[in-house]
Protein backbone atom coordinates (compact mmCIF):
# COMPACT_ATOMS: atom_id res chain seq x y z
CA MET A 1 -7.96 171.57 -131.20
CA ALA A 2 -10.37 168.82 -130.86
CA GLY A 3 -11.19 166.87 -133.96
CA GLY A 4 -14.58 165.68 -133.61
CA GLY A 5 -16.51 166.34 -130.51
CA GLY A 6 -18.79 169.46 -129.96
CA GLY A 7 -21.84 167.95 -128.04
CA ASN A 8 -25.38 167.45 -129.29
CA THR A 9 -26.56 170.93 -128.75
CA TRP A 10 -26.80 171.36 -132.58
CA ILE A 11 -29.24 168.49 -132.74
CA LYS A 12 -31.86 170.12 -130.59
CA GLN A 13 -31.28 173.51 -132.32
CA LEU A 14 -31.83 171.68 -135.66
CA VAL A 15 -35.04 169.99 -134.36
CA VAL A 16 -36.74 173.06 -132.74
CA GLY A 17 -35.63 175.36 -135.70
CA GLY A 18 -36.59 172.85 -138.35
CA ALA A 19 -39.93 172.47 -136.94
CA MET A 20 -40.40 176.15 -136.85
CA LEU A 21 -39.47 176.57 -140.49
CA VAL A 22 -41.67 173.74 -141.43
CA ALA A 23 -44.72 175.22 -139.56
CA ALA A 24 -43.97 178.53 -141.24
CA THR A 25 -43.93 176.91 -144.77
CA GLY A 26 -47.11 175.16 -144.01
CA MET A 27 -48.98 178.35 -143.05
CA HIS A 28 -47.66 180.07 -146.32
CA MET A 29 -48.79 177.20 -148.46
CA ALA A 30 -52.14 176.83 -146.67
CA HIS A 31 -52.54 180.76 -146.73
CA MET A 32 -53.44 180.63 -143.05
CA GLY A 33 -52.38 182.46 -140.03
CA ASN A 34 -50.98 185.95 -139.29
CA GLU A 35 -48.13 187.13 -141.52
CA TRP A 36 -46.07 188.40 -138.56
CA VAL A 37 -46.51 185.25 -136.82
CA MET A 38 -45.10 183.26 -139.85
CA ALA A 39 -42.31 185.91 -140.21
CA ALA A 40 -41.34 185.30 -136.27
CA LEU A 41 -41.31 181.48 -137.14
CA LEU A 42 -39.00 182.02 -140.03
CA ALA A 43 -36.57 184.33 -138.10
CA ALA A 44 -36.43 182.10 -135.02
CA GLY A 45 -36.33 178.83 -136.83
CA GLY A 46 -33.81 180.15 -139.43
CA LEU A 47 -31.53 181.34 -136.86
CA LEU A 48 -31.50 178.11 -134.93
CA VAL A 49 -30.86 176.17 -138.11
CA VAL A 50 -28.11 178.58 -138.86
CA PHE A 51 -26.83 177.98 -135.14
CA ALA A 52 -26.49 174.17 -135.85
CA SER A 53 -24.92 174.66 -139.26
CA CYS A 54 -22.16 176.95 -137.77
CA ASP A 55 -21.61 174.31 -134.99
CA LEU A 56 -21.18 171.48 -137.61
CA MET A 57 -18.87 173.62 -139.69
CA ILE A 58 -16.66 174.68 -136.71
CA GLN A 59 -16.36 170.80 -135.81
CA SER A 60 -15.64 170.05 -139.55
CA VAL A 61 -12.79 172.74 -139.63
CA GLU A 62 -11.40 171.78 -136.40
CA GLY A 63 -11.16 168.23 -137.62
CA LEU A 64 -9.59 169.59 -140.92
CA ALA A 65 -7.13 171.89 -139.01
CA SER A 66 -6.11 169.04 -136.77
CA ARG A 67 -5.45 166.75 -139.74
CA LEU A 68 -3.47 169.53 -141.59
CA LYS A 69 -1.89 170.88 -138.63
CA TRP A 70 -3.39 174.28 -138.89
CA ASN A 71 -3.34 176.89 -136.04
CA GLN A 72 -6.61 178.34 -134.52
CA PHE A 73 -6.65 181.49 -136.91
CA VAL A 74 -6.29 179.60 -140.13
CA ALA A 75 -8.88 177.14 -138.91
CA GLY A 76 -11.30 180.20 -138.00
CA THR A 77 -10.76 181.76 -141.41
CA MET A 78 -11.74 178.53 -143.27
CA ALA A 79 -14.91 178.24 -141.01
CA GLY A 80 -15.58 181.96 -141.81
CA LEU A 81 -15.51 181.23 -145.49
CA ALA A 82 -18.08 178.36 -145.10
CA SER A 83 -20.23 180.65 -142.86
CA ASN A 84 -20.81 182.85 -146.00
CA VAL A 85 -23.05 180.27 -147.42
CA PRO A 86 -26.36 181.49 -145.79
CA GLU A 87 -25.44 185.15 -146.70
CA VAL A 88 -24.89 184.44 -150.36
CA VAL A 89 -28.24 182.42 -150.44
CA MET A 90 -30.07 185.13 -149.00
CA LEU A 91 -28.50 187.77 -151.22
CA GLY A 92 -29.43 185.68 -154.25
CA PHE A 93 -33.19 186.18 -153.45
CA VAL A 94 -32.72 189.93 -152.67
CA ILE A 95 -30.78 190.54 -155.88
CA ALA A 96 -33.48 188.56 -157.96
CA ALA A 97 -36.01 191.02 -156.27
CA GLY A 98 -33.96 194.24 -157.06
CA ALA A 99 -30.34 194.54 -158.13
CA ARG A 100 -29.89 197.99 -156.55
CA VAL A 101 -30.98 196.84 -153.15
CA GLY A 102 -29.00 193.71 -153.21
CA PHE A 103 -25.88 195.68 -154.09
CA ILE A 104 -26.44 198.17 -151.31
CA VAL A 105 -27.11 195.37 -148.81
CA VAL A 106 -23.77 193.77 -149.81
CA MET A 107 -22.06 197.07 -149.16
CA PHE A 108 -23.80 197.70 -145.87
CA THR A 109 -22.62 194.31 -144.69
CA LEU A 110 -19.05 195.63 -144.91
CA HIS A 111 -19.95 198.32 -142.52
CA VAL A 112 -22.00 196.03 -140.11
CA GLY A 113 -18.99 193.66 -140.11
CA ALA A 114 -16.51 196.52 -139.27
CA MET A 115 -18.90 197.51 -136.43
CA ALA A 116 -18.99 193.97 -135.21
CA PHE A 117 -15.26 193.83 -135.30
CA GLY A 118 -15.00 197.10 -133.20
CA ALA A 119 -17.43 195.97 -130.82
CA TYR A 120 -15.95 192.49 -130.45
CA SER A 121 -12.24 194.09 -129.80
CA ALA A 122 -13.92 195.64 -126.74
CA ILE A 123 -14.49 192.25 -124.93
CA LEU A 124 -10.98 190.67 -125.92
CA PRO A 125 -8.64 189.68 -123.14
CA ARG A 126 -6.20 192.63 -122.48
CA ASP A 127 -2.86 193.16 -120.72
CA ASP A 128 -2.13 195.61 -117.82
CA ARG A 129 -1.76 198.45 -120.44
CA GLY A 130 -5.15 197.71 -121.88
CA GLN A 131 -3.66 196.38 -125.07
CA ALA A 132 -5.46 193.25 -126.80
CA ARG A 133 -2.89 191.40 -128.77
CA LEU A 134 -3.89 190.15 -132.26
CA PRO A 135 -2.85 186.98 -134.10
CA THR A 136 0.15 187.44 -136.43
CA PRO A 137 -1.71 186.54 -139.66
CA LEU A 138 -4.32 189.25 -138.79
CA VAL A 139 -1.63 191.80 -138.42
CA LYS A 140 0.69 190.80 -141.35
CA LEU A 141 -2.05 189.61 -144.02
CA SER A 142 -5.53 190.92 -143.04
CA THR A 143 -4.11 194.40 -142.86
CA ASP A 144 -3.00 194.11 -146.42
CA LEU A 145 -6.47 193.27 -147.44
CA TYR A 146 -7.82 196.24 -145.51
CA ALA A 147 -5.48 198.45 -147.46
CA CYS A 148 -6.34 196.77 -150.83
CA ALA A 149 -10.07 196.99 -150.19
CA GLY A 150 -9.87 200.63 -148.94
CA GLY A 151 -8.02 201.46 -152.24
CA ILE A 152 -10.54 199.62 -154.38
CA PHE A 153 -13.50 201.36 -152.65
CA LEU A 154 -11.93 204.93 -152.83
CA SER A 155 -10.92 204.64 -156.74
CA TRP A 156 -14.10 202.94 -157.49
CA GLY A 157 -16.44 205.50 -155.54
CA ILE A 158 -14.43 208.48 -157.06
CA LEU A 159 -14.85 206.97 -160.65
CA LEU A 160 -18.65 206.46 -160.07
CA MET A 161 -18.80 209.93 -159.00
CA MET A 162 -17.07 211.42 -161.85
CA LEU A 163 -19.01 209.38 -164.41
CA ASN A 164 -22.13 210.68 -162.88
CA LEU A 165 -21.10 214.26 -162.50
CA PHE A 166 -19.21 214.66 -165.91
CA VAL A 167 -20.87 212.28 -168.20
CA GLY A 168 -24.42 212.27 -166.51
CA GLU A 169 -27.40 211.40 -168.77
CA GLY A 170 -26.90 210.45 -172.34
CA GLU A 171 -27.57 208.11 -175.06
CA THR A 172 -25.12 205.42 -173.90
CA GLY A 173 -25.94 205.56 -170.29
CA GLN A 174 -22.43 205.53 -169.28
CA GLY A 175 -22.85 208.01 -166.56
CA GLU A 176 -25.95 206.17 -165.16
CA GLU A 177 -25.29 202.45 -165.33
CA MET A 178 -22.70 200.04 -164.91
CA THR A 179 -22.57 197.12 -167.47
CA ALA A 180 -22.48 193.41 -167.04
CA ALA A 181 -18.98 193.35 -168.44
CA GLN A 182 -17.75 195.96 -166.11
CA LEU A 183 -19.28 194.09 -162.96
CA TYR A 184 -17.58 190.83 -164.28
CA ALA A 185 -14.30 192.63 -164.55
CA ILE A 186 -14.44 193.95 -161.01
CA ALA A 187 -15.52 190.62 -159.59
CA ALA A 188 -12.61 188.70 -161.18
CA ALA A 189 -10.15 191.26 -159.80
CA LEU A 190 -11.49 190.93 -156.36
CA ILE A 191 -11.62 187.12 -156.43
CA MET A 192 -8.07 187.03 -157.65
CA VAL A 193 -6.97 188.89 -154.54
CA GLU A 194 -8.88 186.52 -152.29
CA VAL A 195 -7.26 183.48 -153.93
CA VAL A 196 -3.75 184.90 -153.43
CA ALA A 197 -4.57 185.87 -149.82
CA VAL A 198 -6.01 182.47 -148.90
CA ARG A 199 -2.83 180.71 -150.50
CA ALA A 200 -0.47 183.04 -148.54
CA LEU A 201 -2.46 182.37 -145.34
CA VAL A 202 -2.16 178.67 -145.57
CA LYS A 203 1.28 178.66 -146.86
CA ASN A 204 2.97 181.22 -144.47
CA PHE A 205 0.73 181.32 -141.30
CA SER A 206 -0.97 177.95 -140.60
CA ALA A 207 1.68 176.36 -138.49
CA SER A 208 -0.03 175.09 -135.29
CA ASP A 209 2.90 175.88 -132.90
CA GLY A 210 1.96 179.69 -133.00
CA GLU A 211 -1.37 179.48 -131.33
CA THR A 212 -2.01 182.45 -129.04
CA ASP A 213 -4.93 181.12 -127.15
CA GLY A 214 -3.05 178.49 -125.22
CA GLU A 215 -5.60 175.79 -126.40
CA GLN A 216 -3.60 172.74 -126.36
CA GLU A 217 -5.82 170.41 -124.39
CA GLY A 218 -7.58 169.06 -127.55
CA LYS A 219 -4.44 167.96 -129.41
CA ALA A 220 -4.34 164.78 -127.33
CA GLU A 221 -7.52 163.80 -128.97
CA PRO A 222 -7.46 161.71 -132.30
CA PRO A 223 -8.35 163.73 -135.19
CA ALA A 224 -11.62 163.26 -136.98
CA THR A 225 -11.78 160.88 -140.09
CA TRP A 226 -11.70 162.35 -143.58
CA GLY A 227 -15.34 160.90 -143.96
CA ARG A 228 -16.70 162.75 -140.66
CA ILE A 229 -14.89 165.93 -141.85
CA ALA A 230 -16.73 165.80 -145.15
CA ALA A 231 -20.03 164.73 -143.53
CA LEU A 232 -19.94 167.64 -141.02
CA GLY A 233 -18.86 170.16 -143.67
CA GLY A 234 -21.43 169.18 -146.22
CA GLY A 235 -24.11 168.87 -143.50
CA GLY A 236 -23.30 172.36 -142.07
CA ALA A 237 -23.39 173.86 -145.68
CA LEU A 238 -26.81 172.31 -146.45
CA LEU A 239 -28.26 173.44 -143.20
CA SER A 240 -26.89 177.03 -143.61
CA VAL A 241 -28.73 177.09 -146.95
CA TRP A 242 -31.94 176.11 -145.34
CA GLY A 243 -31.57 178.45 -142.42
CA GLY A 244 -30.30 181.14 -144.50
CA HIS A 245 -33.40 180.96 -146.77
CA GLY A 246 -35.71 181.23 -143.62
CA VAL A 247 -33.94 184.20 -142.38
CA GLY A 248 -33.99 185.79 -145.93
CA ASP A 249 -37.83 185.13 -146.27
CA PHE A 250 -38.31 186.91 -142.71
CA ALA A 251 -36.11 189.91 -143.78
CA GLY A 252 -38.16 190.18 -146.84
CA ILE A 253 -41.38 190.37 -145.05
CA LEU A 254 -39.93 192.93 -142.44
CA VAL A 255 -38.62 195.08 -145.34
CA GLU A 256 -41.88 195.16 -147.07
CA GLY A 257 -43.67 196.08 -143.94
CA LEU A 258 -41.13 198.98 -143.38
CA ALA A 259 -41.57 200.25 -146.87
CA SER A 260 -45.22 200.21 -146.58
CA ALA A 261 -44.94 202.29 -143.24
CA GLY A 262 -42.90 204.84 -145.22
CA TYR A 263 -39.32 204.15 -144.38
CA SER A 264 -36.49 204.57 -146.83
CA GLN A 265 -34.97 201.96 -149.00
CA MET A 266 -31.74 202.44 -147.24
CA VAL A 267 -33.19 201.54 -143.70
CA GLY A 268 -34.55 198.16 -145.41
CA ALA A 269 -31.16 197.49 -146.66
CA LEU A 270 -29.53 198.25 -143.40
CA ILE A 271 -31.74 195.69 -141.73
CA LEU A 272 -31.30 193.20 -144.44
CA SER A 273 -27.54 193.47 -144.06
CA ILE A 274 -27.60 192.69 -140.32
CA PHE A 275 -29.69 189.52 -140.99
CA ALA A 276 -27.17 188.61 -144.23
CA VAL A 277 -24.16 188.36 -141.74
CA VAL A 278 -26.04 186.33 -139.16
CA GLY A 279 -23.71 183.33 -140.07
CA PRO A 280 -20.44 185.01 -139.39
CA PHE A 281 -21.95 186.71 -136.02
CA ILE A 282 -22.74 183.20 -134.88
CA MET A 283 -19.59 181.80 -135.35
CA ILE A 284 -17.85 184.72 -133.55
CA GLY A 285 -20.30 184.21 -130.57
CA THR A 286 -19.81 180.34 -130.72
CA ALA A 287 -16.01 180.37 -130.66
CA HIS A 288 -15.81 183.15 -128.14
CA ALA A 289 -18.07 181.06 -125.87
CA LYS A 290 -15.48 178.13 -126.24
CA LYS A 291 -12.70 180.56 -125.46
CA LYS A 292 -11.32 180.06 -129.02
CA TYR A 293 -10.54 183.73 -129.36
CA ASP A 294 -8.21 183.33 -132.39
CA VAL A 295 -11.20 181.34 -134.19
CA ALA A 296 -13.48 184.32 -133.06
CA LEU A 297 -11.08 186.87 -134.36
CA ALA A 298 -10.54 185.17 -137.67
CA ASN A 299 -14.33 185.42 -138.21
CA ALA A 300 -14.53 188.98 -136.92
CA SER A 301 -11.89 190.18 -139.33
CA GLY A 302 -13.35 187.78 -142.07
CA ALA A 303 -16.64 189.38 -141.65
CA VAL A 304 -14.82 192.44 -142.84
CA THR A 305 -12.26 191.23 -145.46
CA GLN A 306 -14.57 188.48 -147.02
CA VAL A 307 -17.19 191.05 -147.97
CA PRO A 308 -15.21 192.85 -150.59
CA PHE A 309 -13.23 189.87 -151.74
CA VAL A 310 -15.81 187.03 -151.53
CA VAL A 311 -19.54 188.17 -150.91
CA LEU A 312 -19.16 191.33 -153.28
CA PRO A 313 -17.70 189.70 -156.22
CA ILE A 314 -20.26 186.83 -156.01
CA ALA A 315 -22.97 189.37 -155.83
CA LEU A 316 -21.64 191.36 -158.83
CA VAL A 317 -21.69 188.06 -160.90
CA MET A 318 -25.30 187.52 -159.79
CA ILE A 319 -26.30 190.96 -160.77
CA ALA A 320 -24.59 190.71 -164.12
CA ALA A 321 -25.76 187.24 -164.90
CA PHE A 322 -29.41 187.85 -163.69
CA ALA A 323 -29.54 191.05 -165.83
CA GLN A 324 -28.16 189.14 -168.88
CA THR A 325 -30.61 186.17 -168.36
CA GLY A 326 -33.69 188.28 -167.81
CA VAL A 327 -34.18 187.16 -164.17
CA ILE A 328 -34.05 190.90 -163.35
CA PRO A 329 -34.89 193.54 -165.92
CA ALA A 330 -32.06 195.20 -167.81
CA LEU A 331 -31.67 199.01 -167.28
CA PRO A 332 -32.87 201.51 -169.94
CA HIS A 333 -29.38 201.58 -171.68
CA GLY A 334 -28.69 197.83 -171.24
CA GLY A 335 -26.75 198.10 -168.03
CA ALA A 336 -27.05 196.05 -164.84
CA LEU A 337 -26.63 198.31 -161.92
CA HIS A 338 -27.64 202.17 -161.41
CA ILE A 339 -25.03 204.67 -160.74
CA ASP A 340 -26.91 207.06 -158.31
CA LEU A 341 -26.35 208.78 -154.81
CA GLN A 342 -26.96 205.56 -152.87
CA THR A 343 -24.76 203.08 -154.80
CA THR A 344 -21.89 205.66 -154.93
CA SER A 345 -22.02 206.59 -151.28
CA VAL A 346 -22.03 203.02 -150.04
CA VAL A 347 -18.93 202.30 -152.28
CA LEU A 348 -17.10 205.53 -151.47
CA LEU A 349 -17.77 205.31 -147.80
CA GLY A 350 -16.27 201.88 -147.67
CA PHE A 351 -12.89 203.52 -147.68
CA PRO A 352 -12.92 205.01 -144.12
CA PRO A 353 -13.50 201.66 -142.19
CA MET A 354 -10.77 200.08 -144.11
CA LEU A 355 -8.37 202.86 -143.39
CA VAL A 356 -9.21 202.92 -139.64
CA LEU A 357 -8.95 199.01 -139.30
CA TRP A 358 -5.52 199.09 -141.07
CA LYS A 359 -4.18 201.89 -139.00
CA ALA A 360 -5.57 200.48 -135.69
CA ILE A 361 -4.22 196.88 -136.29
CA GLN A 362 -1.00 197.40 -138.23
CA ASP A 363 0.97 200.05 -136.25
CA ASP A 364 1.75 197.63 -133.15
CA GLY A 365 -0.29 194.49 -133.71
CA ALA A 366 -2.66 195.21 -130.90
CA VAL A 367 -5.79 197.09 -130.29
CA ASN A 368 -5.97 199.54 -127.33
CA TRP A 369 -8.94 201.35 -125.87
CA VAL A 370 -8.80 204.45 -127.92
CA GLU A 371 -8.62 202.45 -131.01
CA THR A 372 -11.66 200.41 -129.84
CA ALA A 373 -13.56 203.73 -129.24
CA THR A 374 -12.44 205.05 -132.44
CA MET A 375 -13.64 202.15 -134.46
CA ILE A 376 -17.12 201.93 -132.65
CA ALA A 377 -17.66 205.74 -133.27
CA ILE A 378 -16.53 206.02 -136.91
CA PHE A 379 -18.31 202.62 -137.87
CA SER A 380 -21.66 203.50 -136.05
CA LEU A 381 -21.71 207.10 -137.36
CA THR A 382 -21.21 205.74 -141.06
CA LEU A 383 -23.96 203.33 -140.57
CA PHE A 384 -26.22 206.03 -139.04
CA PHE A 385 -25.71 208.42 -141.83
CA LEU A 386 -26.08 205.86 -144.66
CA GLY A 387 -29.20 204.65 -143.04
CA SER A 388 -30.67 208.18 -142.85
CA GLU A 389 -30.16 208.94 -146.48
């Protein structure tokens, strides 16, 4: 695993993407030019900057993994955690504009991430029987997270449904709104699971002698210095904020255009969710192109597991805090998040993807063609029906 190199492609991406973002910002400040031209500059420029940021973060994590003797999967998981930065930045702006839409976007990212995992499994190297073997940490640890997330979504969704059905409208608003305290409690429980899972991953599955990709060629290179690792990681994180902000601005313009054209809020949320997970998707593509399949799989799995245990709790804390501080208006009964058909359905329908992923991976530690087809079918249908509400 190389500790420092990675070429200078990211510099070209940063220069071109940065120029586009600066041009779009100038157009906005000068109130000149076509709005859709500005939106195109924001989208292309933001994506290029995120590309550059992901390249830097991959180099940083590779150096860290080489120093700490981590394997490819653990290194990829840590890189995946860092790639959530642009998504969180974008979600902050979305939630500030509307907590309900922001929450739905977060839940949609779970389904988009699950769909990406199913689609990526179709291009993995397979044996003569059509089996794509998966890394041990994914089989033994990620499946536990799928089961945990599925259980949480099922119980939470049923609870929301019962509150709305049996309590309904009333003076307290208990059946119509979730309070800030409830959101904080859910977020704390989810974060606790993630902390325990990351600790178990590093403690039990980080040994570098178990790499499945056969990527040993980089180990002869000296590892990057701690200063270089910190500089690459910090630079990647800052660039991801800049690029994520640009993509978020583009998504906002696009959603406003769709709303004015008469499309539902769920369609806008679906589009926003796709742009929200651009960081992990770029990580997957970059790692796969370099034939670092365990890194790509770690990010593909992380695009699913990190939604309920990293992105969702952060979003819940932002919703609660924004409602308490007046950034967003509190609901009529003082709550922070509506309980309605859309918020309930996106939570309750988070259960089937988790069940399918758990079963497909946990049974034999591999994915066959039937399981790949099943994942794509179920995940795409779930997205279709949610988007058509």
